[in-house]
Amino acid sequence: MRGRLTLLLTSALATATATATAQTPAFPAKAIRFVVPFPAGGPLDISARAIGQKLTEAWAQPVVIDNRPGAGGNIGAELVAKAVPDGYTILMGAVSTHAINPWLYTKMPYDPIRDFSPVSLVTQVPNVLVVHPSVPAKSVKELIALASARPGQLNYASGSTGSAGHLAGELFNVMANVKTVHIPYKGAPAAVIDLMGGQVSFMFDNLASALPNIKAGRVRALAVTTLARSPLLPALPTMSEAGLKGFDVSTWFGVFAPGGTPSAIIDQLNAGIIAALKSPDLRERLAAMGAEPKPDTPAQFAAFVKAELAKYEKVVKASGARVD
């Protein structure tokens, strides 16, 4: 009798499990909201749209880009941090949202580690120091000399407070022992427009958006901010080579889901993004912007974010930059 009862219970459990599985729709079963925490038109937005298009094609479900700029990316990131962890709301995060802002802002609306499930690193982009053609500096050393002679008179633009461009400027001030004034904008496109118009003196722009303006002569490039030179501008020295030894700042983008998202969904998102980044046309599009695809596993991306967070804690504290 007991054996028969056990058999009946086992059969009932198997039937219930099979029914529940059959009733659970495969992911994705509806549109995915891809939050971009910066304005449309910048490299992060362009990368998100390119990946979103590939995912839409692969999954036959729309991936809708939702630009939510503000507070250095914190507004969009907070929206995803507080979203339902079901994979249908994801974030194109960045070095600012997950490595810089936690040390730059006195109050943060989210925890960069606890409140997110890392999916994959997407790309890394070198920043490049560019000046308006009217600035009488043809090298980093000449810019330092100019800033030393005019303390507080030179200003630099960035896409937002807390961006890699902002922090690069603060690090420049510290390492070069100069004082230049930070002018934050609501997105890199607006900052670049004012740089080209001569309203600001220089900018640490990411190579993706700066390259066309450099080639057209609208801005003058002095150095890249990574330790290695860029293959797109091989003749351009690094900041370290130009005299500020150890200067190393780059912009990176990566996809995050809300914390607590099931690992099976994270794995599916990761697989979709990796497949997208392997497509030749997408890689070519990113390379044209100076961006290098960097797909990895969720675990690798999680470790990378923790390392970047520790790195920028030191950089932000050394710069003395704060946002209250």
Protein backbone atom coordinates (compact mmCIF):
# COMPACT_ATOMS: atom_id res chain seq x y z
CA MET A 1 0.00 0.00 0.00
CA ARG A 2 2.77 2.38 0.98
CA GLY A 3 4.66 1.62 -2.23
CA ARG A 4 1.58 2.29 -4.30
CA LEU A 5 1.01 5.59 -2.49
CA THR A 6 4.61 6.63 -3.12
CA LEU A 7 4.21 5.74 -6.79
CA LEU A 8 1.03 7.80 -7.04
CA LEU A 9 2.64 10.80 -5.32
CA THR A 10 5.71 10.57 -7.56
CA SER A 11 3.52 10.36 -10.66
CA ALA A 12 1.42 13.32 -9.52
CA LEU A 13 4.53 15.39 -8.82
CA ALA A 14 5.97 14.58 -12.24
CA THR A 15 2.68 15.49 -13.90
CA ALA A 16 2.50 18.79 -11.99
CA THR A 17 6.10 19.63 -12.88
CA ALA A 18 5.52 18.83 -16.55
CA THR A 19 2.36 20.95 -16.57
CA ALA A 20 4.11 23.89 -14.90
CA THR A 21 6.99 23.63 -17.37
CA ALA A 22 4.58 23.54 -20.29
CA GLN A 23 2.81 26.62 -18.96
CA THR A 24 6.08 28.57 -18.47
CA PRO A 25 6.80 30.45 -21.71
CA ALA A 26 10.29 30.25 -23.15
CA PHE A 27 12.42 33.37 -22.62
CA PRO A 28 11.96 35.83 -24.19
CA ALA A 29 8.22 35.66 -24.70
CA LYS A 30 7.66 39.41 -25.00
CA ALA A 31 9.46 42.70 -25.62
CA ILE A 32 12.63 43.46 -23.65
CA ARG A 33 13.25 46.97 -22.34
CA PHE A 34 16.91 47.93 -22.80
CA VAL A 35 17.60 50.98 -20.63
CA VAL A 36 20.35 53.35 -21.77
CA PRO A 37 21.23 55.77 -18.93
CA PHE A 38 22.61 58.44 -21.27
CA PRO A 39 21.17 60.52 -24.14
CA ALA A 40 20.71 59.15 -27.64
CA GLY A 41 23.57 59.57 -30.07
CA GLY A 42 26.54 58.70 -27.89
CA PRO A 43 28.72 55.57 -28.24
CA LEU A 44 26.95 53.73 -25.42
CA ASP A 45 23.58 54.40 -27.03
CA ILE A 46 24.86 53.38 -30.47
CA SER A 47 26.29 50.14 -29.06
CA ALA A 48 23.04 49.34 -27.25
CA ARG A 49 20.97 49.92 -30.38
CA ALA A 50 23.27 47.74 -32.49
CA ILE A 51 23.07 44.89 -29.97
CA GLY A 52 19.34 45.38 -29.51
CA GLN A 53 18.79 45.03 -33.25
CA LYS A 54 20.75 41.77 -33.32
CA LEU A 55 18.81 40.37 -30.36
CA THR A 56 15.51 41.37 -31.97
CA GLU A 57 16.46 39.48 -35.11
CA ALA A 58 17.65 36.42 -33.19
CA TRP A 59 14.76 36.18 -30.73
CA ALA A 60 11.87 37.48 -32.87
CA GLN A 61 10.94 39.73 -29.96
CA PRO A 62 11.47 43.51 -29.93
CA VAL A 63 14.31 44.89 -27.83
CA VAL A 64 13.20 48.46 -27.12
CA ILE A 65 15.82 51.11 -26.30
CA ASP A 66 14.73 53.39 -23.46
CA ASN A 67 17.00 56.41 -22.93
CA ARG A 68 16.88 57.60 -19.30
CA PRO A 69 19.72 60.11 -18.87
CA GLY A 70 20.56 62.09 -15.78
CA ALA A 71 22.74 62.13 -12.63
CA GLY A 72 25.74 60.66 -14.42
CA GLY A 73 23.75 57.58 -15.42
CA ASN A 74 22.29 56.96 -11.96
CA ILE A 75 18.67 57.61 -13.00
CA GLY A 76 18.60 54.90 -15.64
CA ALA A 77 20.64 52.50 -13.52
CA GLU A 78 18.31 52.95 -10.54
CA LEU A 79 15.31 52.18 -12.75
CA VAL A 80 16.80 48.80 -13.66
CA ALA A 81 18.02 48.09 -10.14
CA LYS A 82 14.43 48.35 -8.91
CA ALA A 83 12.81 46.52 -11.85
CA VAL A 84 11.29 43.06 -11.65
CA PRO A 85 14.17 40.55 -11.98
CA ASP A 86 12.67 38.60 -14.87
CA GLY A 87 15.07 39.53 -17.68
CA TYR A 88 12.64 41.85 -19.43
CA THR A 89 14.35 45.02 -18.17
CA ILE A 90 18.11 45.25 -18.71
CA LEU A 91 20.70 48.02 -18.55
CA MET A 92 23.59 49.08 -20.72
CA GLY A 93 25.76 50.11 -17.80
CA ALA A 94 29.13 51.80 -17.91
CA VAL A 95 32.25 52.57 -15.95
CA SER A 96 30.46 55.61 -14.53
CA THR A 97 27.35 53.79 -13.27
CA HIS A 98 29.18 50.84 -11.71
CA ALA A 99 32.73 51.93 -10.86
CA ILE A 100 32.94 55.73 -10.56
CA ASN A 101 29.60 57.04 -9.27
CA PRO A 102 29.59 54.94 -6.08
CA TRP A 103 32.66 56.89 -4.93
CA LEU A 104 31.77 60.21 -6.52
CA TYR A 105 28.22 60.65 -5.20
CA THR A 106 27.56 61.19 -1.50
CA LYS A 107 24.26 59.32 -1.77
CA MET A 108 23.69 56.49 -4.24
CA PRO A 109 20.21 55.17 -5.15
CA TYR A 110 21.55 51.65 -5.71
CA ASP A 111 24.38 49.30 -4.82
CA PRO A 112 26.46 48.51 -7.94
CA ILE A 113 27.12 44.94 -6.79
CA ARG A 114 24.09 43.84 -4.75
CA ASP A 115 21.39 45.38 -6.95
CA PHE A 116 22.56 43.99 -10.31
CA SER A 117 23.21 40.68 -12.02
CA PRO A 118 26.11 41.13 -14.48
CA VAL A 119 25.42 39.65 -17.92
CA SER A 120 28.44 40.49 -20.08
CA LEU A 121 31.03 43.12 -20.75
CA VAL A 122 30.34 44.56 -24.20
CA THR A 123 33.20 46.82 -25.20
CA GLN A 124 36.04 49.03 -24.01
CA VAL A 125 36.83 52.36 -25.65
CA PRO A 126 39.97 54.46 -25.07
CA ASN A 127 39.46 58.10 -24.21
CA VAL A 128 41.44 60.71 -26.05
CA LEU A 129 42.55 64.17 -24.94
CA VAL A 130 41.37 66.66 -27.57
CA VAL A 131 41.62 70.44 -27.62
CA HIS A 132 39.91 73.13 -29.67
CA PRO A 133 42.19 74.19 -32.56
CA SER A 134 42.48 77.68 -31.06
CA VAL A 135 44.20 76.32 -27.95
CA PRO A 136 47.95 76.97 -28.40
CA ALA A 137 49.06 73.51 -27.26
CA LYS A 138 50.32 70.84 -29.63
CA SER A 139 51.22 68.29 -26.94
CA VAL A 140 50.29 67.22 -23.43
CA LYS A 141 53.39 68.97 -22.05
CA GLU A 142 52.38 72.21 -23.78
CA LEU A 143 48.85 71.93 -22.40
CA ILE A 144 50.24 71.43 -18.89
CA ALA A 145 52.47 74.48 -19.33
CA LEU A 146 49.49 76.52 -20.56
CA ALA A 147 47.31 75.41 -17.66
CA SER A 148 50.10 76.20 -15.20
CA ALA A 149 50.43 79.69 -16.62
CA ARG A 150 46.64 80.25 -16.48
CA PRO A 151 45.37 78.58 -13.30
CA GLY A 152 41.58 78.28 -13.29
CA GLN A 153 41.22 79.80 -16.76
CA LEU A 154 41.16 76.69 -18.94
CA ASN A 155 37.99 74.60 -18.80
CA TYR A 156 37.20 71.10 -19.95
CA ALA A 157 33.93 69.47 -20.94
CA SER A 158 32.55 66.05 -20.13
CA GLY A 159 29.35 64.19 -20.99
CA SER A 160 28.28 64.20 -17.36
CA THR A 161 29.49 64.52 -13.82
CA GLY A 162 31.05 61.21 -12.90
CA SER A 163 31.79 60.09 -16.45
CA ALA A 164 35.18 58.68 -17.44
CA GLY A 165 35.83 62.00 -19.21
CA HIS A 166 35.19 63.94 -16.01
CA LEU A 167 37.41 61.69 -13.94
CA ALA A 168 40.16 61.80 -16.53
CA GLY A 169 40.13 65.58 -16.25
CA GLU A 170 40.34 65.43 -12.45
CA LEU A 171 43.19 62.94 -12.68
CA PHE A 172 44.93 65.24 -15.17
CA ASN A 173 44.66 68.11 -12.67
CA VAL A 174 46.14 65.98 -9.89
CA MET A 175 48.95 64.34 -11.84
CA ALA A 176 49.94 67.51 -13.72
CA ASN A 177 49.50 69.70 -10.61
CA VAL A 178 47.32 72.18 -12.49
CA LYS A 179 43.86 73.68 -11.97
CA THR A 180 41.36 73.51 -14.82
CA VAL A 181 37.58 73.88 -14.48
CA HIS A 182 35.15 71.05 -15.18
CA ILE A 183 32.05 71.88 -17.25
CA PRO A 184 29.57 68.94 -17.17
CA TYR A 185 26.97 68.47 -19.90
CA LYS A 186 23.90 66.27 -20.28
CA GLY A 187 25.56 63.83 -22.62
CA ALA A 188 28.71 63.71 -24.72
CA PRO A 189 27.12 65.09 -27.94
CA ALA A 190 26.35 68.44 -26.30
CA ALA A 191 29.83 68.61 -24.80
CA VAL A 192 31.45 67.91 -28.17
CA ILE A 193 29.37 70.62 -29.86
CA ASP A 194 30.61 73.24 -27.40
CA LEU A 195 34.19 71.98 -27.70
CA MET A 196 34.06 72.36 -31.48
CA GLY A 197 32.48 75.79 -31.02
CA GLY A 198 35.30 76.92 -28.76
CA GLN A 199 33.14 77.39 -25.65
CA VAL A 200 35.42 74.96 -23.79
CA SER A 201 39.16 74.43 -24.17
CA PHE A 202 39.57 70.67 -24.08
CA MET A 203 37.89 67.37 -23.39
CA PHE A 204 38.69 63.75 -22.62
CA ASP A 205 36.30 62.33 -25.19
CA ASN A 206 36.00 58.66 -25.94
CA LEU A 207 37.67 57.67 -29.17
CA ALA A 208 34.39 56.50 -30.66
CA SER A 209 32.90 59.96 -30.90
CA ALA A 210 36.16 61.91 -31.22
CA LEU A 211 37.64 60.10 -34.23
CA PRO A 212 35.53 61.75 -36.98
CA ASN A 213 36.17 65.21 -35.52
CA ILE A 214 39.90 64.51 -35.22
CA LYS A 215 40.10 63.40 -38.86
CA ALA A 216 38.10 66.45 -39.98
CA GLY A 217 40.38 68.82 -38.05
CA ARG A 218 37.56 70.13 -35.87
CA VAL A 219 39.56 69.18 -32.77
CA ARG A 220 43.24 68.41 -32.18
CA ALA A 221 44.19 65.13 -30.51
CA LEU A 222 47.06 65.13 -28.00
CA ALA A 223 47.06 61.66 -26.42
CA VAL A 224 44.99 58.58 -25.59
CA THR A 225 44.24 57.81 -21.95
CA THR A 226 44.95 54.07 -21.95
CA LEU A 227 48.35 52.51 -21.27
CA ALA A 228 48.48 51.13 -24.81
CA ARG A 229 48.20 53.14 -28.02
CA SER A 230 45.11 52.80 -30.16
CA PRO A 231 45.47 50.98 -33.49
CA LEU A 232 43.13 53.59 -34.97
CA LEU A 233 45.60 56.38 -34.08
CA PRO A 234 48.93 54.55 -33.78
CA ALA A 235 51.03 57.72 -34.01
CA LEU A 236 49.24 59.32 -31.06
CA PRO A 237 51.09 58.85 -27.74
CA THR A 238 49.49 57.71 -24.52
CA MET A 239 49.14 60.11 -21.60
CA SER A 240 51.71 57.96 -19.81
CA GLU A 241 54.18 58.31 -22.68
CA ALA A 242 53.48 62.05 -22.80
CA GLY A 243 54.74 62.54 -19.26
CA LEU A 244 51.95 61.52 -16.88
CA LYS A 245 53.26 58.06 -16.08
CA GLY A 246 50.60 55.52 -15.11
CA PHE A 247 47.66 57.57 -16.39
CA ASP A 248 45.02 54.98 -17.33
CA VAL A 249 41.32 55.74 -17.90
CA SER A 250 38.99 54.01 -20.35
CA THR A 251 35.28 53.88 -21.04
CA TRP A 252 33.59 50.48 -20.91
CA PHE A 253 30.02 49.37 -21.47
CA GLY A 254 28.34 46.22 -20.20
CA VAL A 255 24.90 44.68 -19.82
CA PHE A 256 23.28 44.19 -16.42
CA ALA A 257 19.97 42.74 -15.27
CA PRO A 258 18.34 43.47 -11.90
CA GLY A 259 19.82 41.65 -8.95
CA GLY A 260 18.16 38.30 -8.35
CA THR A 261 17.44 37.56 -12.00
CA PRO A 262 17.40 33.75 -12.43
CA SER A 263 20.71 32.33 -13.64
CA ALA A 264 19.00 30.54 -16.53
CA ILE A 265 17.78 33.87 -17.89
CA ILE A 266 21.18 35.50 -17.32
CA ASP A 267 22.77 32.70 -19.32
CA GLN A 268 20.30 33.20 -22.18
CA LEU A 269 20.94 36.94 -22.22
CA ASN A 270 24.68 36.31 -22.15
CA ALA A 271 24.50 33.85 -25.04
CA GLY A 272 22.46 36.29 -27.11
CA ILE A 273 24.87 39.16 -26.50
CA ILE A 274 27.95 37.05 -27.24
CA ALA A 275 26.38 35.87 -30.51
CA ALA A 276 25.60 39.47 -31.43
CA LEU A 277 29.16 40.61 -30.68
CA LYS A 278 30.58 37.83 -32.85
CA SER A 279 28.67 38.97 -35.93
CA PRO A 280 31.11 40.52 -38.44
CA ASP A 281 28.96 43.54 -39.27
CA LEU A 282 28.52 44.49 -35.61
CA ARG A 283 32.22 44.04 -34.87
CA GLU A 284 33.03 46.22 -37.88
CA ARG A 285 30.61 48.88 -36.69
CA LEU A 286 32.13 48.93 -33.21
CA ALA A 287 35.67 48.95 -34.57
CA ALA A 288 34.86 51.98 -36.71
CA MET A 289 34.02 53.79 -33.49
CA GLY A 290 37.28 52.74 -31.87
CA ALA A 291 35.49 50.21 -29.68
CA GLU A 292 36.84 46.72 -29.06
CA PRO A 293 34.25 43.96 -28.41
CA LYS A 294 34.89 42.27 -25.05
CA PRO A 295 32.26 39.55 -24.54
CA ASP A 296 32.73 37.38 -21.46
CA THR A 297 30.85 35.19 -19.00
CA PRO A 298 28.62 36.59 -16.21
CA ALA A 299 31.21 35.46 -13.64
CA GLN A 300 34.08 37.13 -15.50
CA PHE A 301 32.10 40.34 -15.86
CA ALA A 302 31.23 40.31 -12.15
CA ALA A 303 34.92 40.01 -11.27
CA PHE A 304 35.81 42.78 -13.72
CA VAL A 305 33.24 45.16 -12.18
CA LYS A 306 34.56 44.51 -8.66
CA ALA A 307 38.13 45.21 -9.83
CA GLU A 308 37.08 48.44 -11.56
CA LEU A 309 35.17 49.53 -8.46
CA ALA A 310 38.29 49.08 -6.33
CA LYS A 311 40.46 50.85 -8.91
CA TYR A 312 38.28 53.93 -9.16
CA GLU A 313 37.87 54.23 -5.42
CA LYS A 314 41.56 55.14 -5.33
CA VAL A 315 41.33 57.42 -8.38
CA VAL A 316 38.28 59.36 -7.15
CA LYS A 317 39.75 59.82 -3.68
CA ALA A 318 43.06 60.98 -5.15
CA SER A 319 41.27 63.52 -7.34
CA GLY A 320 39.14 64.85 -4.51
CA ALA A 321 36.11 64.95 -6.83
CA ARG A 322 32.69 64.69 -5.12
CA VAL A 323 29.06 65.23 -6.06
CA ASP A 324 26.79 66.12 -3.15
